[in-house]
Amino acid sequence: MYKTIDLFAGIGGIRLGFEAYGCQTVFASEWDKDAQKMYEANFGEKPQGDINLIDPEDIPDHHILLAGFPCQPFSIAGKGLGFADTRGTLFFNIEAILKAKKPTAFLLENVRRLTTHDKGQTFAVILEKLTALGYTVYHKIINALDFGVPQKRERIYIVGFLNPIPFSFPAPLGYYQPLAELLEKDEDIPASYFVSEHIKQQRLALVKGTPPYPSIWHQNIGGNISALPYSCALRAGGSYNYLVVNGIRRLTAREMLRLQGFPDDFIINLPYSGVRKVAGNSVSVPVIKAIAGEMLKALQTVSPR
């Protein structure tokens, strides 16, 4: 049984992916109160708060560090100065924990734009720091749509091993769950979820082509609307109506969690606005599970300490 720690834990999507293979979570940290509340309801423990206030030496020993850390810019002016050029960023906390605890492996998840931020220099520093700690590092941009989830959500995944063992990211499944299996019935949904007649007519006039059914309509910054047989990426800060089911209603809380691959027995104990935030900030569980399976296969050549 591999012991894991769950940093920037959100509502526990990364944890779910690894616990599916029998991994044991020995520590969790998450500062957002809504995420803490839902995490506690589903896992029976409240994550510790701000990681900046936790000494790396106080974190339990573990085999795999897991972190869906936020993207923060940092300068590379201090190159060669050790931690100096990452201090003040949340990546620094991960770096400090890896240095102090030396886990066998890690998985980091972030937004795709991390790879291009500051013309790629931010990502280059991250890879350099991880390699300097002695890890063999692999990375790949993966779309949740390729792993059974009807949501186009591209994220960068970074995997590292303390031993120089070979690793391959999971191959795409080549299909995703039909929206018809995921969406709730309109007649079971409160009237407050349905858009006004004005918005409905406005979108009908702007939508491109003949919309498939069912579909999720997405309005981009330029006002253009696309109707697709899958969802565009859920966003914590997106307007209430930027994603609309069949052009007539908002997604329900359960539908948002389903789009991220959470099981239907996952407890929802937040108001709608809170669920929108935590679901938009979450990971796609099936992607994590697929990566976890490949990581654990690779680790079979290494004995847990």
Protein backbone atom coordinates (compact mmCIF):
# COMPACT_ATOMS: atom_id res chain seq x y z
CA MET A 1 0.00 0.00 0.00
CA TYR A 2 1.45 3.31 -1.08
CA LYS A 3 0.97 6.27 1.22
CA THR A 4 0.06 9.56 -0.47
CA ILE A 5 -0.34 13.20 0.52
CA ASP A 6 -2.99 15.40 -1.10
CA LEU A 7 -1.80 19.00 -1.51
CA PHE A 8 -4.02 21.79 -2.89
CA ALA A 9 -6.54 19.00 -2.52
CA GLY A 10 -9.69 20.75 -3.74
CA ILE A 11 -12.58 18.35 -3.21
CA GLY A 12 -10.39 15.26 -3.49
CA GLY A 13 -10.42 14.32 -7.17
CA ILE A 14 -6.75 13.31 -7.21
CA ARG A 15 -7.23 11.34 -4.01
CA LEU A 16 -10.12 9.41 -5.58
CA GLY A 17 -7.97 8.42 -8.54
CA PHE A 18 -5.22 6.96 -6.37
CA GLU A 19 -7.43 5.41 -3.70
CA ALA A 20 -9.08 3.42 -6.50
CA TYR A 21 -5.83 1.41 -6.48
CA GLY A 22 -5.65 1.05 -2.71
CA CYS A 23 -3.39 3.99 -1.92
CA GLN A 24 -3.72 5.45 1.57
CA THR A 25 -3.96 9.22 2.07
CA VAL A 26 -1.98 10.22 5.17
CA PHE A 27 -2.19 14.02 4.86
CA ALA A 28 -4.30 16.60 3.03
CA SER A 29 -4.09 20.38 2.70
CA GLU A 30 -6.59 22.82 1.15
CA TRP A 31 -7.24 26.44 2.15
CA ASP A 32 -10.61 27.06 0.43
CA LYS A 33 -13.45 26.72 2.97
CA ASP A 34 -16.03 25.39 0.50
CA ALA A 35 -13.63 22.75 -0.80
CA GLN A 36 -12.71 21.80 2.77
CA LYS A 37 -16.38 21.35 3.62
CA MET A 38 -17.11 19.04 0.68
CA TYR A 39 -13.84 17.14 1.16
CA GLU A 40 -14.68 16.48 4.82
CA ALA A 41 -18.20 15.30 3.98
CA ASN A 42 -16.85 12.74 1.51
CA PHE A 43 -13.63 11.56 3.16
CA GLY A 44 -14.37 12.01 6.84
CA GLU A 45 -11.48 14.36 7.47
CA LYS A 46 -11.00 18.09 7.08
CA PRO A 47 -7.86 19.05 5.14
CA GLN A 48 -5.37 21.22 6.95
CA GLY A 49 -5.34 24.85 5.82
CA ASP A 50 -2.76 27.12 4.23
CA ILE A 51 0.26 25.07 3.15
CA ASN A 52 2.47 28.10 3.79
CA LEU A 53 1.82 27.67 7.51
CA ILE A 54 2.82 24.00 7.59
CA ASP A 55 6.43 22.98 8.17
CA PRO A 56 7.49 20.35 5.59
CA GLU A 57 9.10 18.34 8.39
CA ASP A 58 5.69 18.04 10.09
CA ILE A 59 4.15 16.31 7.08
CA PRO A 60 3.95 12.51 7.47
CA ASP A 61 6.31 10.29 5.49
CA HIS A 62 4.74 9.18 2.24
CA HIS A 63 5.54 7.44 -1.03
CA ILE A 64 3.69 9.68 -3.51
CA LEU A 65 3.13 13.45 -3.36
CA LEU A 66 -0.02 14.59 -5.17
CA ALA A 67 -0.72 18.25 -5.95
CA GLY A 68 -3.07 20.16 -8.23
CA PHE A 69 -1.24 23.39 -7.50
CA PRO A 70 -2.33 26.81 -8.79
CA CYS A 71 -0.26 28.45 -11.51
CA GLN A 72 1.77 31.36 -10.21
CA PRO A 73 4.42 33.32 -12.10
CA PHE A 74 7.91 33.62 -10.69
CA SER A 75 11.14 35.17 -11.80
CA ILE A 76 14.06 33.21 -13.18
CA ALA A 77 16.42 36.06 -12.37
CA GLY A 78 17.72 34.09 -9.41
CA LYS A 79 18.76 31.08 -11.47
CA GLY A 80 21.45 29.20 -9.61
CA LEU A 81 20.31 30.51 -6.24
CA GLY A 82 18.44 27.38 -5.19
CA PHE A 83 15.00 28.16 -3.80
CA ALA A 84 15.45 31.92 -4.24
CA ASP A 85 13.67 32.09 -7.58
CA THR A 86 10.58 30.15 -6.44
CA ARG A 87 10.01 31.67 -3.01
CA GLY A 88 6.61 33.31 -2.66
CA THR A 89 5.02 30.85 -5.09
CA LEU A 90 3.00 27.77 -4.26
CA PHE A 91 5.38 25.62 -6.28
CA PHE A 92 7.98 26.47 -3.65
CA ASN A 93 5.92 24.55 -1.06
CA ILE A 94 5.97 21.45 -3.24
CA GLU A 95 9.68 21.85 -3.84
CA ALA A 96 10.37 22.20 -0.11
CA ILE A 97 8.31 19.12 0.77
CA LEU A 98 10.01 17.02 -1.91
CA LYS A 99 13.38 18.12 -0.59
CA ALA A 100 12.48 17.36 3.04
CA LYS A 101 10.57 14.09 2.63
CA LYS A 102 12.00 12.60 -0.58
CA PRO A 103 8.91 10.61 -1.61
CA THR A 104 9.33 7.86 -4.19
CA ALA A 105 7.17 9.66 -6.74
CA PHE A 106 4.93 12.66 -7.38
CA LEU A 107 2.10 13.79 -9.64
CA LEU A 108 1.49 17.48 -10.29
CA GLU A 109 -1.45 18.90 -12.26
CA ASN A 110 -1.86 22.40 -13.63
CA VAL A 111 -3.50 24.43 -16.37
CA ARG A 112 -2.14 24.01 -19.88
CA ARG A 113 -0.95 27.62 -20.07
CA LEU A 114 1.68 26.87 -17.44
CA THR A 115 3.76 25.39 -20.27
CA THR A 116 3.75 28.65 -22.24
CA HIS A 117 3.78 31.22 -19.43
CA ASP A 118 6.61 33.73 -19.81
CA LYS A 119 7.54 32.13 -23.15
CA GLY A 120 8.00 28.75 -21.49
CA GLN A 121 10.50 29.97 -18.91
CA THR A 122 8.26 29.34 -15.89
CA PHE A 123 7.75 25.71 -16.90
CA ALA A 124 11.46 25.32 -17.65
CA VAL A 125 12.32 26.45 -14.12
CA ILE A 126 9.82 24.01 -12.62
CA LEU A 127 11.30 21.09 -14.55
CA GLU A 128 14.82 22.22 -13.66
CA LYS A 129 13.99 22.37 -9.95
CA LEU A 130 12.36 18.94 -9.95
CA THR A 131 15.30 17.40 -11.77
CA ALA A 132 17.76 19.08 -9.38
CA LEU A 133 16.02 17.30 -6.50
CA GLY A 134 16.99 14.00 -8.09
CA TYR A 135 13.75 13.09 -9.84
CA THR A 136 13.31 11.61 -13.29
CA VAL A 137 10.53 13.78 -14.72
CA TYR A 138 7.89 13.18 -17.38
CA HIS A 139 5.15 15.56 -18.53
CA LYS A 140 2.26 15.59 -20.96
CA ILE A 141 -0.81 17.67 -21.82
CA ILE A 142 -3.88 15.44 -21.56
CA ASN A 143 -7.46 16.17 -22.57
CA ALA A 144 -10.18 14.72 -20.33
CA LEU A 145 -12.26 14.19 -23.46
CA ASP A 146 -9.86 11.36 -24.40
CA PHE A 147 -10.52 9.51 -21.13
CA GLY A 148 -14.26 9.01 -21.11
CA VAL A 149 -15.37 12.38 -19.76
CA PRO A 150 -17.58 14.53 -22.04
CA GLN A 151 -15.61 17.67 -21.25
CA LYS A 152 -12.84 19.28 -23.27
CA ARG A 153 -10.38 19.98 -20.49
CA GLU A 154 -6.68 20.10 -21.30
CA ARG A 155 -4.25 20.08 -18.40
CA ILE A 156 -0.51 19.55 -17.96
CA TYR A 157 0.47 16.54 -15.84
CA ILE A 158 3.98 16.22 -14.42
CA VAL A 159 5.13 12.86 -13.06
CA GLY A 160 8.41 12.25 -11.27
CA PHE A 161 10.25 9.26 -9.80
CA LEU A 162 13.14 9.33 -7.36
CA ASN A 163 14.61 6.33 -9.17
CA PRO A 164 15.31 6.55 -12.93
CA ILE A 165 12.51 4.18 -13.94
CA PRO A 166 10.73 4.25 -17.32
CA PHE A 167 7.20 5.61 -17.47
CA SER A 168 4.57 6.15 -20.16
CA PHE A 169 1.42 8.21 -19.81
CA PRO A 170 -1.82 6.28 -20.42
CA ALA A 171 -3.07 5.93 -23.98
CA PRO A 172 -6.32 7.74 -24.85
CA LEU A 173 -9.47 5.63 -24.68
CA GLY A 174 -10.76 7.09 -27.92
CA TYR A 175 -14.32 7.65 -26.67
CA TYR A 176 -16.27 9.61 -24.07
CA GLN A 177 -19.54 9.12 -22.22
CA PRO A 178 -22.54 10.37 -24.21
CA LEU A 179 -24.14 13.46 -22.72
CA ALA A 180 -27.51 11.68 -22.75
CA GLU A 181 -26.18 9.35 -20.03
CA LEU A 182 -24.94 12.20 -17.88
CA LEU A 183 -27.63 14.88 -18.10
CA GLU A 184 -30.60 14.93 -15.75
CA LYS A 185 -34.14 15.12 -17.12
CA ASP A 186 -35.39 18.65 -17.71
CA GLU A 187 -38.68 17.85 -15.99
CA ASP A 188 -36.83 17.03 -12.78
CA ILE A 189 -34.94 20.33 -12.69
CA PRO A 190 -36.20 23.46 -10.88
CA ALA A 191 -37.44 26.34 -13.03
CA SER A 192 -34.68 28.59 -11.66
CA TYR A 193 -32.12 26.72 -13.78
CA PHE A 194 -33.77 27.69 -17.06
CA VAL A 195 -32.64 30.81 -18.90
CA SER A 196 -35.01 33.62 -19.75
CA GLU A 197 -36.87 33.66 -23.06
CA HIS A 198 -34.76 36.65 -24.11
CA ILE A 199 -31.47 34.79 -23.55
CA LYS A 200 -32.84 31.68 -25.25
CA GLN A 201 -33.86 33.56 -28.39
CA GLN A 202 -30.62 35.52 -28.41
CA ARG A 203 -28.60 32.31 -28.36
CA LEU A 204 -30.74 30.60 -30.97
CA ALA A 205 -29.92 33.49 -33.29
CA LEU A 206 -26.17 33.19 -32.62
CA VAL A 207 -25.59 29.45 -32.49
CA LYS A 208 -23.59 27.97 -35.34
CA GLY A 209 -25.20 25.34 -37.56
CA THR A 210 -27.81 22.82 -36.43
CA PRO A 211 -27.11 21.92 -32.78
CA PRO A 212 -26.76 18.23 -31.98
CA TYR A 213 -29.07 16.85 -29.33
CA PRO A 214 -28.26 16.73 -26.55
CA SER A 215 -25.56 19.37 -26.52
CA ILE A 216 -23.93 21.96 -24.32
CA TRP A 217 -23.82 25.44 -25.76
CA HIS A 218 -20.71 27.48 -25.05
CA GLN A 219 -20.44 31.23 -25.48
CA ASN A 220 -16.87 32.50 -25.84
CA ILE A 221 -15.47 35.93 -25.02
CA GLY A 222 -16.26 37.17 -28.52
CA GLY A 223 -19.92 36.24 -28.11
CA ASN A 224 -19.82 33.34 -30.56
CA ILE A 225 -21.80 30.28 -29.53
CA SER A 226 -20.91 26.68 -30.28
CA ALA A 227 -23.21 23.74 -29.58
CA LEU A 228 -21.24 20.56 -28.99
CA PRO A 229 -21.96 16.96 -27.91
CA TYR A 230 -19.63 17.57 -24.96
CA SER A 231 -18.87 20.42 -22.57
CA CYS A 232 -16.14 22.99 -22.82
CA ALA A 233 -13.99 23.21 -19.69
CA LEU A 234 -15.79 24.01 -16.47
CA ARG A 235 -14.46 27.26 -14.98
CA ALA A 236 -14.65 28.37 -11.37
CA GLY A 237 -15.07 31.99 -12.44
CA GLY A 238 -17.28 31.48 -15.48
CA SER A 239 -20.62 33.32 -15.71
CA TYR A 240 -23.72 31.34 -14.80
CA ASN A 241 -24.82 31.05 -18.42
CA TYR A 242 -21.58 30.52 -20.35
CA LEU A 243 -22.46 26.81 -20.57
CA VAL A 244 -26.12 26.05 -21.30
CA VAL A 245 -27.66 22.60 -21.82
CA ASN A 246 -29.47 22.48 -25.18
CA GLY A 247 -29.56 26.29 -25.12
CA ILE A 248 -32.23 26.39 -22.40
CA ARG A 249 -30.79 25.76 -18.93
CA ARG A 250 -27.74 25.79 -16.69
CA LEU A 251 -25.93 22.65 -15.60
CA THR A 252 -27.01 21.23 -12.26
CA ALA A 253 -24.55 20.63 -9.41
CA ARG A 254 -24.65 16.87 -10.01
CA GLU A 255 -24.07 17.30 -13.75
CA MET A 256 -20.99 19.44 -13.10
CA LEU A 257 -19.49 16.76 -10.86
CA ARG A 258 -20.35 14.08 -13.42
CA LEU A 259 -18.52 16.11 -16.06
CA GLN A 260 -15.44 15.85 -13.84
CA GLY A 261 -15.92 12.10 -13.40
CA PHE A 262 -17.07 12.10 -9.77
CA PRO A 263 -19.37 9.21 -8.75
CA ASP A 264 -23.03 9.88 -8.05
CA ASP A 265 -22.60 8.97 -4.39
CA PHE A 266 -20.22 11.92 -3.95
CA ILE A 267 -21.90 14.11 -1.35
CA ILE A 268 -22.93 17.64 -2.36
CA ASN A 269 -23.21 19.89 0.69
CA LEU A 270 -22.68 23.34 -0.81
CA PRO A 271 -24.97 25.92 -2.42
CA TYR A 272 -24.96 26.07 -6.20
CA SER A 273 -22.43 28.90 -6.38
CA GLY A 274 -20.05 26.91 -4.20
CA VAL A 275 -20.36 23.79 -6.34
CA ARG A 276 -19.65 25.82 -9.48
CA LYS A 277 -16.43 27.05 -7.90
CA VAL A 278 -15.13 23.73 -6.56
CA ALA A 279 -16.16 21.78 -9.67
CA GLY A 280 -14.47 24.35 -11.92
CA ASN A 281 -11.29 24.09 -9.86
CA SER A 282 -11.31 20.31 -9.69
CA VAL A 283 -9.47 17.68 -11.66
CA SER A 284 -11.02 15.11 -14.00
CA VAL A 285 -11.03 11.96 -11.90
CA PRO A 286 -10.80 9.41 -14.77
CA VAL A 287 -7.64 11.10 -16.07
CA ILE A 288 -6.06 10.92 -12.63
CA LYS A 289 -7.08 7.29 -12.25
CA ALA A 290 -5.53 6.40 -15.61
CA ILE A 291 -2.26 8.13 -14.72
CA ALA A 292 -2.26 6.57 -11.24
CA GLY A 293 -2.53 3.11 -12.80
CA GLU A 294 0.51 3.72 -14.99
CA MET A 295 2.50 5.23 -12.13
CA LEU A 296 1.82 2.27 -9.87
CA LYS A 297 2.82 -0.11 -12.65
CA ALA A 298 6.10 1.76 -13.01
CA LEU A 299 6.64 1.70 -9.24
CA GLN A 300 6.35 -2.10 -9.11
CA THR A 301 10.08 -2.18 -9.78
CA VAL A 302 10.69 -0.08 -6.65
CA SER A 303 9.94 -1.24 -3.11
CA PRO A 304 8.07 1.27 -0.89
CA ARG A 305 10.21 2.44 2.02
